[in-house]
């Protein structure tokens, strides 16, 4: 699997699936299934908790 900055899906808390990866601010992030990923991609403005989750992960890893 590609290098992903998160181990668990921010929406469900389940482990990240290799078929559910996407790019966010230049980093590879993962979700538990393609549906979670597609919903995040389609509704990024409506999901500030999802984006803030990834911003915190990026900051914690000094990326």
C-alpha atoms as a PDB file:
ATOM      1  CA  UNK A   1       0.000   0.000   0.000  1.00  0.00           C
ATOM      2  CA  UNK A   2       1.137   3.549  -0.678  1.00  0.00           C
ATOM      3  CA  UNK A   3       2.394   5.605   2.258  1.00  0.00           C
ATOM      4  CA  UNK A   4      -0.706   7.019   3.946  1.00  0.00           C
ATOM      5  CA  UNK A   5      -0.620   9.600   6.764  1.00  0.00           C
ATOM      6  CA  UNK A   6      -3.548   8.107   8.715  1.00  0.00           C
ATOM      7  CA  UNK A   7      -4.179   4.529   9.859  1.00  0.00           C
ATOM      8  CA  UNK A   8      -7.889   4.912  10.580  1.00  0.00           C
ATOM      9  CA  UNK A   9     -10.826   6.396   8.698  1.00  0.00           C
ATOM     10  CA  UNK A  10     -11.817   9.807  10.148  1.00  0.00           C
ATOM     11  CA  UNK A  11     -15.501   9.052   9.561  1.00  0.00           C
ATOM     12  CA  UNK A  12     -15.849   5.502  10.927  1.00  0.00           C
ATOM     13  CA  UNK A  13     -12.685   4.861  12.942  1.00  0.00           C
ATOM     14  CA  UNK A  14     -12.116   1.616  11.007  1.00  0.00           C
ATOM     15  CA  UNK A  15      -8.720   0.746   9.493  1.00  0.00           C
ATOM     16  CA  UNK A  16      -7.862   2.392   6.170  1.00  0.00           C
ATOM     17  CA  UNK A  17      -8.473   0.307   3.051  1.00  0.00           C
ATOM     18  CA  UNK A  18      -5.968   0.332   0.175  1.00  0.00           C
ATOM     19  CA  UNK A  19      -8.767   0.873  -2.358  1.00  0.00           C
ATOM     20  CA  UNK A  20      -9.961   4.022  -0.551  1.00  0.00           C
ATOM     21  CA  UNK A  21      -7.025   6.427  -0.807  1.00  0.00           C
ATOM     22  CA  UNK A  22      -7.098  10.030  -2.004  1.00  0.00           C
ATOM     23  CA  UNK A  23      -4.878  13.093  -2.053  1.00  0.00           C
ATOM     24  CA  UNK A  24      -5.346  15.920   0.428  1.00  0.00           C
ATOM     25  CA  UNK A  25      -3.045  18.955   0.432  1.00  0.00           C
ATOM     26  CA  UNK A  26      -0.298  16.931  -1.229  1.00  0.00           C
ATOM     27  CA  UNK A  27      -0.561  13.955   1.137  1.00  0.00           C
ATOM     28  CA  UNK A  28      -2.096  10.510   0.678  1.00  0.00           C
ATOM     29  CA  UNK A  29      -4.985   9.973   3.084  1.00  0.00           C
ATOM     30  CA  UNK A  30      -7.223   6.968   3.525  1.00  0.00           C
ATOM     31  CA  UNK A  31     -10.762   5.941   4.357  1.00  0.00           C
ATOM     32  CA  UNK A  32     -12.309   2.613   5.332  1.00  0.00           C
ATOM     33  CA  UNK A  33     -14.139   2.162   2.010  1.00  0.00           C
ATOM     34  CA  UNK A  34     -14.628   3.921  -1.339  1.00  0.00           C
ATOM     35  CA  UNK A  35     -18.002   5.305  -0.190  1.00  0.00           C
ATOM     36  CA  UNK A  36     -16.429   7.262   2.693  1.00  0.00           C
ATOM     37  CA  UNK A  37     -13.714   8.547   0.365  1.00  0.00           C
ATOM     38  CA  UNK A  38     -16.183   9.604  -2.321  1.00  0.00           C
ATOM     39  CA  UNK A  39     -18.452  11.311   0.201  1.00  0.00           C
ATOM     40  CA  UNK A  40     -15.488  13.237   1.609  1.00  0.00           C
ATOM     41  CA  UNK A  41     -14.369  14.286  -1.872  1.00  0.00           C
ATOM     42  CA  UNK A  42     -17.874  15.346  -2.915  1.00  0.00           C
ATOM     43  CA  UNK A  43     -18.660  17.279   0.266  1.00  0.00           C
ATOM     44  CA  UNK A  44     -15.344  18.669   1.472  1.00  0.00           C
ATOM     45  CA  UNK A  45     -16.835  22.111   2.222  1.00  0.00           C
ATOM     46  CA  UNK A  46     -19.611  20.537   4.290  1.00  0.00           C
ATOM     47  CA  UNK A  47     -17.287  18.425   6.417  1.00  0.00           C
ATOM     48  CA  UNK A  48     -14.981  20.681   8.413  1.00  0.00           C
ATOM     49  CA  UNK A  49     -14.380  17.911  10.961  1.00  0.00           C
ATOM     50  CA  UNK A  50     -12.900  15.692   8.219  1.00  0.00           C
ATOM     51  CA  UNK A  51     -10.575  18.397   6.932  1.00  0.00           C
ATOM     52  CA  UNK A  52      -9.542  19.483  10.418  1.00  0.00           C
ATOM     53  CA  UNK A  53      -8.714  15.845  11.203  1.00  0.00           C
ATOM     54  CA  UNK A  54      -6.254  15.703   8.308  1.00  0.00           C
ATOM     55  CA  UNK A  55      -4.833  19.152   9.108  1.00  0.00           C
ATOM     56  CA  UNK A  56      -4.055  17.930  12.649  1.00  0.00           C
ATOM     57  CA  UNK A  57      -2.429  14.725  11.323  1.00  0.00           C
ATOM     58  CA  UNK A  58      -0.297  16.745   8.887  1.00  0.00           C
ATOM     59  CA  UNK A  59       0.768  19.137  11.663  1.00  0.00           C
ATOM     60  CA  UNK A  60       1.524  16.322  14.131  1.00  0.00           C
ATOM     61  CA  UNK A  61       3.813  14.645  11.599  1.00  0.00           C
ATOM     62  CA  UNK A  62       5.387  17.987  10.656  1.00  0.00           C
ATOM     63  CA  UNK A  63       4.513  17.436   6.983  1.00  0.00           C
END
